Amino acid sequence: MARILVTGGAGFIGSHTSERLLARGDEVVVLDNFNDFYDPELKRWNAKQLSGARVVAGDIRDRARVGELFAEQAFDAVIHLAAMAGVRPSLADPLHYEDVNVRGTLVLLEELRRRPGTRLVFASSSSVYGDREDVPFRETDDIHRPVSPYAATKRAGELLCYTHHHLYGIPTACLRFFTVYGPRQRPEMAIAKFTRAVLEGERLPFFGDGSTRRDYTYVDDIVDGVLAALERCEGYEIYNLGESATTTLAELVEAVGRACGKEPLLERLPMQPGDVLLTCADISKARAKLGYDPRVPVAEGLRRYVEWFREGRRARSTKSA
């Protein structure tokens, strides 16, 4: 049994990760600030499902609160998932993104420097690769051209993690997530928005001509990678976690329609600043070193998501009746 701090542990990926840690018998402390980037009640609901976890309301930028937690608990590991997420919102408020994603990460690293044996798993993003057409993306690729403030803050986080590993010996794994989706995902994310629009007979936002491609990765596969990286956290490593397969926007919309059993209605819109044309992960390093083996293809993942979404709608309808 390990004692693990999960930052952002009431969010989408964080709550799934915390559940899996609890199920295998770990002692879990969740740190989440329950901000209003989306409905805080959704995160509070997630937190209530984490039976056995200690849930702490607090901000990773709060040095005093973070320091108290580390002083109270002898953590074996930190899984750092807390962040301001999303490419498009980062264009509107880059200073806030920098403050949370960079300064907040540095606050945690400064605590870890005094406890250099504590393992760190840091959630990065495929957005660090920028707008490129040569695929698949490899951890050794040149990534000096991020095209959004969000991407730049995630790359900055990786660099700070390396600096602290180099200086203080913190065992660190940086994980570049590729378009994660599944139950509990944030409501502004594409698949959540598309599903809601299709089921409610509304037009869904369709950016560009539908040819953009993403490496959509089901959340259960991502959590498999997070836990594997935690167990094999030595030195400093960067890993891609994706499905290593791409789906066009047009194909995704069709697949959401099939999963919902309804024809999607489109609101055609121009491409947005900060968006990239293509993402695709080379996961050979994660396969070799972590035993990472994604198993949920997009069609099955969408079926599971739509089923979960419908169950939530039925539950809300019953409660309000």
Protein backbone atom coordinates (compact mmCIF):
# COMPACT_ATOMS: atom_id res chain seq x y z
CA MET A 1 0.00 0.00 0.00
CA ALA A 2 1.25 3.45 -0.93
CA ARG A 3 0.21 6.89 0.27
CA ILE A 4 -0.48 9.01 -2.81
CA LEU A 5 -1.44 12.64 -3.35
CA VAL A 6 -3.60 13.15 -6.44
CA THR A 7 -3.90 16.80 -7.45
CA GLY A 8 -7.04 17.52 -9.44
CA GLY A 9 -8.32 14.22 -8.09
CA ALA A 10 -11.99 15.21 -8.28
CA GLY A 11 -11.78 16.03 -11.99
CA PHE A 12 -12.22 13.83 -15.04
CA ILE A 13 -8.99 11.82 -15.21
CA GLY A 14 -8.23 12.46 -11.55
CA SER A 15 -11.38 10.82 -10.22
CA HIS A 16 -10.87 7.73 -12.38
CA THR A 17 -7.25 7.51 -11.24
CA SER A 18 -8.18 7.95 -7.58
CA GLU A 19 -10.82 5.22 -7.85
CA ARG A 20 -8.32 2.76 -9.26
CA LEU A 21 -5.76 3.58 -6.56
CA LEU A 22 -8.38 3.05 -3.84
CA ALA A 23 -9.51 -0.21 -5.41
CA ARG A 24 -6.01 -1.64 -5.21
CA GLY A 25 -5.66 -0.61 -1.58
CA ASP A 26 -3.65 2.61 -1.71
CA GLU A 27 -4.16 5.49 0.72
CA VAL A 28 -5.32 8.44 -1.39
CA VAL A 29 -5.37 12.15 -0.62
CA VAL A 30 -7.20 14.25 -3.22
CA LEU A 31 -6.34 17.94 -3.55
CA ASP A 32 -8.80 19.88 -5.71
CA ASN A 33 -9.91 23.50 -5.70
CA PHE A 34 -13.38 22.76 -7.20
CA ASN A 35 -13.13 25.84 -9.40
CA ASP A 36 -15.88 27.03 -11.73
CA PHE A 37 -14.17 26.29 -15.06
CA TYR A 38 -17.15 23.97 -15.35
CA ASP A 39 -19.94 23.19 -12.88
CA PRO A 40 -18.20 22.52 -9.52
CA GLU A 41 -21.08 20.24 -8.51
CA LEU A 42 -19.88 17.71 -11.09
CA LYS A 43 -16.50 17.53 -9.36
CA ARG A 44 -18.13 17.39 -5.95
CA TRP A 45 -20.20 14.44 -7.14
CA ASN A 46 -17.00 12.75 -8.36
CA ALA A 47 -15.39 13.35 -4.98
CA LYS A 48 -18.33 11.78 -3.13
CA GLN A 49 -17.78 8.55 -5.06
CA LEU A 50 -14.21 8.27 -3.74
CA SER A 51 -15.04 6.27 -0.64
CA GLY A 52 -11.98 6.01 1.57
CA ALA A 53 -10.10 8.95 0.10
CA ARG A 54 -9.31 12.09 2.05
CA VAL A 55 -10.59 14.96 -0.07
CA VAL A 56 -8.97 18.35 0.59
CA ALA A 57 -10.35 21.55 -0.92
CA GLY A 58 -7.32 23.63 -1.83
CA ASP A 59 -5.31 25.22 -4.62
CA ILE A 60 -1.93 23.97 -5.81
CA ARG A 61 -0.75 27.60 -5.87
CA ASP A 62 -1.38 27.96 -2.13
CA ARG A 63 2.11 27.30 -0.76
CA ALA A 64 0.93 27.23 2.86
CA ARG A 65 -1.85 24.71 2.20
CA VAL A 66 0.35 22.49 0.05
CA GLY A 67 3.12 22.70 2.65
CA GLU A 68 0.69 21.65 5.40
CA LEU A 69 -0.38 18.61 3.40
CA PHE A 70 3.19 17.48 2.83
CA ALA A 71 4.03 18.07 6.49
CA GLU A 72 1.02 16.02 7.63
CA GLN A 73 1.51 13.14 5.21
CA ALA A 74 4.59 11.20 4.20
CA PHE A 75 3.57 10.73 0.57
CA ASP A 76 5.16 7.93 -1.40
CA ALA A 77 4.10 9.56 -4.66
CA VAL A 78 2.34 12.54 -6.21
CA ILE A 79 0.16 12.22 -9.31
CA HIS A 80 -0.11 15.79 -10.54
CA LEU A 81 -3.22 16.16 -12.69
CA ALA A 82 -4.46 19.58 -11.53
CA ALA A 83 -4.31 22.19 -14.28
CA MET A 84 -6.25 24.69 -16.31
CA ALA A 85 -7.09 22.61 -19.36
CA GLY A 86 -8.11 23.34 -22.92
CA VAL A 87 -6.47 25.04 -25.87
CA ARG A 88 -9.14 27.59 -26.78
CA PRO A 89 -9.79 28.95 -23.27
CA SER A 90 -6.04 29.46 -22.83
CA LEU A 91 -6.07 32.01 -25.64
CA ALA A 92 -8.58 34.10 -23.72
CA ASP A 93 -6.78 33.98 -20.36
CA PRO A 94 -3.11 33.04 -20.81
CA LEU A 95 -1.97 34.69 -17.57
CA HIS A 96 -4.28 32.50 -15.52
CA TYR A 97 -3.09 29.39 -17.37
CA GLU A 98 0.51 30.31 -16.68
CA ASP A 99 -0.22 30.97 -13.01
CA VAL A 100 -1.97 27.64 -12.40
CA ASN A 101 -0.06 25.33 -14.72
CA VAL A 102 3.45 26.70 -14.26
CA ARG A 103 3.52 28.34 -10.84
CA GLY A 104 1.26 25.66 -9.36
CA THR A 105 3.55 22.92 -10.63
CA LEU A 106 6.57 24.74 -9.22
CA VAL A 107 4.92 24.97 -5.78
CA LEU A 108 4.60 21.17 -5.76
CA LEU A 109 8.15 20.69 -7.02
CA GLU A 110 9.50 22.90 -4.26
CA GLU A 111 7.85 20.62 -1.70
CA LEU A 112 9.24 17.56 -3.46
CA ARG A 113 12.78 18.94 -3.44
CA ARG A 114 12.74 18.46 0.34
CA ARG A 115 11.55 14.87 -0.15
CA PRO A 116 13.57 13.69 -3.16
CA GLY A 117 12.55 10.04 -2.80
CA THR A 118 8.89 10.84 -3.48
CA ARG A 119 7.86 9.79 -6.98
CA LEU A 120 6.17 12.29 -9.31
CA VAL A 121 3.85 11.56 -12.21
CA PHE A 122 3.12 14.75 -14.15
CA ALA A 123 0.22 15.05 -16.60
CA SER A 124 1.42 16.73 -19.78
CA SER A 125 -0.35 16.90 -23.14
CA SER A 126 -0.03 15.99 -26.79
CA SER A 127 -0.49 19.73 -27.48
CA VAL A 128 3.24 20.23 -26.76
CA TYR A 129 3.96 18.78 -30.23
CA GLY A 130 2.43 21.81 -31.94
CA ASP A 131 0.88 21.87 -35.41
CA ARG A 132 2.68 19.26 -37.48
CA GLU A 133 1.93 16.67 -40.14
CA ASP A 134 4.75 14.16 -39.68
CA VAL A 135 3.33 11.28 -37.64
CA PRO A 136 3.39 9.48 -35.36
CA PHE A 137 4.60 11.92 -32.68
CA ARG A 138 7.63 10.62 -30.79
CA GLU A 139 8.94 11.68 -27.41
CA THR A 140 12.25 12.63 -29.08
CA ASP A 141 10.65 15.03 -31.60
CA ASP A 142 11.54 18.72 -31.72
CA ILE A 143 8.76 20.50 -29.80
CA HIS A 144 9.91 24.09 -29.79
CA ARG A 145 6.83 25.48 -31.54
CA PRO A 146 3.73 25.24 -29.32
CA VAL A 147 0.71 26.97 -30.87
CA SER A 148 -1.34 27.80 -27.75
CA PRO A 149 -0.63 29.13 -24.26
CA TYR A 150 -1.95 25.85 -22.84
CA ALA A 151 0.61 23.87 -24.84
CA ALA A 152 3.40 26.22 -23.77
CA THR A 153 2.48 25.85 -20.09
CA LYS A 154 2.52 22.07 -20.34
CA ARG A 155 5.95 22.10 -21.96
CA ALA A 156 7.12 24.49 -19.27
CA GLY A 157 5.89 22.00 -16.67
CA GLU A 158 7.93 19.23 -18.27
CA LEU A 159 11.04 21.41 -18.23
CA LEU A 160 10.58 22.36 -14.58
CA CYS A 161 10.11 18.69 -13.71
CA TYR A 162 13.37 17.88 -15.47
CA THR A 163 15.22 20.71 -13.71
CA HIS A 164 14.08 19.53 -10.29
CA HIS A 165 14.89 15.94 -11.15
CA HIS A 166 18.37 16.99 -12.26
CA LEU A 167 19.01 19.12 -9.19
CA TYR A 168 17.31 17.07 -6.50
CA GLY A 169 16.92 13.55 -7.88
CA ILE A 170 13.10 13.46 -7.90
CA PRO A 171 11.94 10.28 -9.77
CA THR A 172 9.68 11.71 -12.47
CA ALA A 173 7.44 10.46 -15.28
CA CYS A 174 5.87 13.05 -17.60
CA LEU A 175 2.87 11.67 -19.50
CA ARG A 176 1.69 13.26 -22.73
CA PHE A 177 -2.03 12.49 -22.90
CA PHE A 178 -3.68 12.31 -26.33
CA THR A 179 -7.32 13.57 -26.41
CA VAL A 180 -8.74 11.67 -23.46
CA TYR A 181 -12.49 11.00 -23.38
CA GLY A 182 -14.96 8.91 -21.42
CA PRO A 183 -17.43 9.11 -18.52
CA ARG A 184 -17.16 12.26 -16.38
CA GLN A 185 -15.27 14.17 -19.06
CA ARG A 186 -15.55 17.94 -18.90
CA PRO A 187 -18.81 19.17 -20.47
CA GLU A 188 -17.04 21.59 -22.84
CA MET A 189 -15.00 18.79 -24.45
CA ALA A 190 -15.97 17.82 -28.01
CA ILE A 191 -17.43 14.37 -27.41
CA ALA A 192 -19.49 15.59 -24.45
CA LYS A 193 -20.81 18.54 -26.48
CA PHE A 194 -21.50 16.38 -29.53
CA THR A 195 -23.36 13.73 -27.52
CA ARG A 196 -25.51 16.29 -25.75
CA ALA A 197 -26.35 18.06 -29.02
CA VAL A 198 -27.24 14.86 -30.88
CA LEU A 199 -29.45 13.49 -28.11
CA GLU A 200 -31.23 16.84 -27.70
CA GLY A 201 -31.66 17.38 -31.45
CA GLU A 202 -29.50 20.51 -31.50
CA ARG A 203 -26.81 21.54 -33.97
CA LEU A 204 -23.32 20.62 -32.88
CA PRO A 205 -20.31 22.89 -33.52
CA PHE A 206 -18.33 21.50 -36.47
CA PHE A 207 -15.04 23.35 -36.98
CA GLY A 208 -13.38 23.33 -40.40
CA ASP A 209 -14.03 20.80 -43.16
CA GLY A 210 -13.98 17.71 -40.92
CA SER A 211 -10.55 16.50 -41.98
CA THR A 212 -8.72 17.29 -38.74
CA ARG A 213 -7.59 14.08 -37.03
CA ARG A 214 -7.18 13.22 -33.35
CA ASP A 215 -5.80 10.28 -31.44
CA TYR A 216 -8.81 9.74 -29.15
CA THR A 217 -7.91 7.77 -26.02
CA TYR A 218 -10.39 6.18 -23.65
CA VAL A 219 -9.93 7.15 -20.01
CA ASP A 220 -9.51 3.57 -18.75
CA ASP A 221 -6.52 3.12 -21.05
CA ILE A 222 -5.03 6.39 -19.82
CA VAL A 223 -5.40 5.33 -16.19
CA ASP A 224 -3.65 2.05 -17.02
CA GLY A 225 -0.73 4.13 -18.28
CA VAL A 226 -0.74 6.43 -15.25
CA LEU A 227 -0.57 3.52 -12.81
CA ALA A 228 2.12 1.76 -14.84
CA ALA A 229 4.20 4.95 -14.90
CA LEU A 230 3.73 5.30 -11.15
CA GLU A 231 5.04 1.79 -10.52
CA ARG A 232 8.00 2.20 -12.86
CA CYS A 233 8.90 5.76 -11.94
CA GLU A 234 12.69 6.02 -12.03
CA GLY A 235 14.97 8.77 -13.25
CA TYR A 236 13.24 11.20 -15.62
CA GLU A 237 11.13 9.87 -18.48
CA ILE A 238 8.55 11.21 -20.92
CA TYR A 239 5.89 8.89 -22.31
CA ASN A 240 3.15 9.28 -24.91
CA LEU A 241 -0.18 7.80 -23.81
CA GLY A 242 -2.61 7.49 -26.73
CA GLU A 243 -4.42 4.87 -28.80
CA SER A 244 -1.95 5.31 -31.67
CA ALA A 245 -4.83 5.57 -34.15
CA THR A 246 -6.50 8.63 -35.62
CA THR A 247 -10.13 9.56 -36.28
CA THR A 248 -11.21 12.51 -38.41
CA LEU A 249 -13.70 15.00 -37.03
CA ALA A 250 -16.21 13.89 -39.67
CA GLU A 251 -15.73 10.23 -38.67
CA LEU A 252 -16.09 11.11 -35.00
CA VAL A 253 -19.38 12.93 -35.54
CA GLU A 254 -20.74 9.99 -37.53
CA ALA A 255 -19.63 7.59 -34.79
CA VAL A 256 -21.29 9.71 -32.08
CA GLY A 257 -24.48 9.66 -34.15
CA ARG A 258 -24.36 5.86 -34.43
CA ALA A 259 -23.75 5.49 -30.68
CA CYS A 260 -26.70 7.80 -29.98
CA GLY A 261 -28.94 6.27 -32.65
CA LYS A 262 -29.69 9.71 -34.14
CA GLU A 263 -28.50 11.75 -37.11
CA PRO A 264 -26.22 14.64 -36.07
CA LEU A 265 -27.13 18.18 -37.12
CA LEU A 266 -24.10 20.37 -37.89
CA GLU A 267 -23.33 24.03 -37.28
CA ARG A 268 -20.39 24.59 -39.61
CA LEU A 269 -17.78 26.97 -38.23
CA PRO A 270 -14.26 28.04 -39.28
CA MET A 271 -11.14 26.49 -37.76
CA GLN A 272 -10.22 28.05 -34.44
CA PRO A 273 -6.87 29.65 -33.50
CA GLY A 274 -4.70 27.26 -31.51
CA ASP A 275 -6.25 24.14 -33.04
CA VAL A 276 -3.93 21.66 -34.72
CA LEU A 277 -4.67 19.53 -37.78
CA LEU A 278 -3.43 16.21 -36.50
CA THR A 279 -2.35 14.27 -33.42
CA CYS A 280 -1.08 10.70 -33.38
CA ALA A 281 1.00 9.02 -30.68
CA ASP A 282 3.94 6.72 -31.13
CA ILE A 283 3.43 4.57 -28.02
CA SER A 284 6.32 2.15 -28.60
CA LYS A 285 8.27 3.55 -25.63
CA ALA A 286 5.30 3.23 -23.28
CA ARG A 287 4.65 -0.30 -24.55
CA ALA A 288 8.25 -1.35 -24.01
CA LYS A 289 8.92 0.31 -20.66
CA LEU A 290 5.48 0.43 -19.04
CA GLY A 291 3.66 -2.47 -20.63
CA TYR A 292 1.09 0.07 -21.83
CA ASP A 293 -1.48 -1.62 -24.06
CA PRO A 294 -4.59 0.44 -24.95
CA ARG A 295 -7.60 -1.81 -25.50
CA VAL A 296 -10.67 0.38 -26.09
CA PRO A 297 -11.24 1.46 -29.72
CA VAL A 298 -13.18 4.63 -30.42
CA ALA A 299 -16.46 2.92 -31.37
CA GLU A 300 -16.53 0.97 -28.11
CA GLY A 301 -15.43 3.97 -26.06
CA LEU A 302 -18.21 6.10 -27.54
CA ARG A 303 -20.76 3.37 -26.84
CA ARG A 304 -19.69 3.32 -23.18
CA TYR A 305 -19.72 7.11 -22.96
CA VAL A 306 -23.19 7.50 -24.47
CA GLU A 307 -24.53 4.77 -22.16
CA TRP A 308 -23.07 6.61 -19.15
CA PHE A 309 -24.44 9.95 -20.40
CA ARG A 310 -27.93 8.51 -20.84
CA GLU A 311 -27.86 6.93 -17.39
CA GLY A 312 -27.00 10.32 -15.91
CA ARG A 313 -29.88 11.98 -17.75
CA ARG A 314 -32.30 9.30 -16.50
CA ALA A 315 -31.05 9.73 -12.94
CA ARG A 316 -31.50 13.51 -13.12
CA SER A 317 -34.99 13.10 -14.57
CA THR A 318 -36.00 10.70 -11.79
CA LYS A 319 -34.60 13.02 -9.12
CA SER A 320 -36.47 16.06 -10.46
CA ALA A 321 -39.77 14.18 -10.93
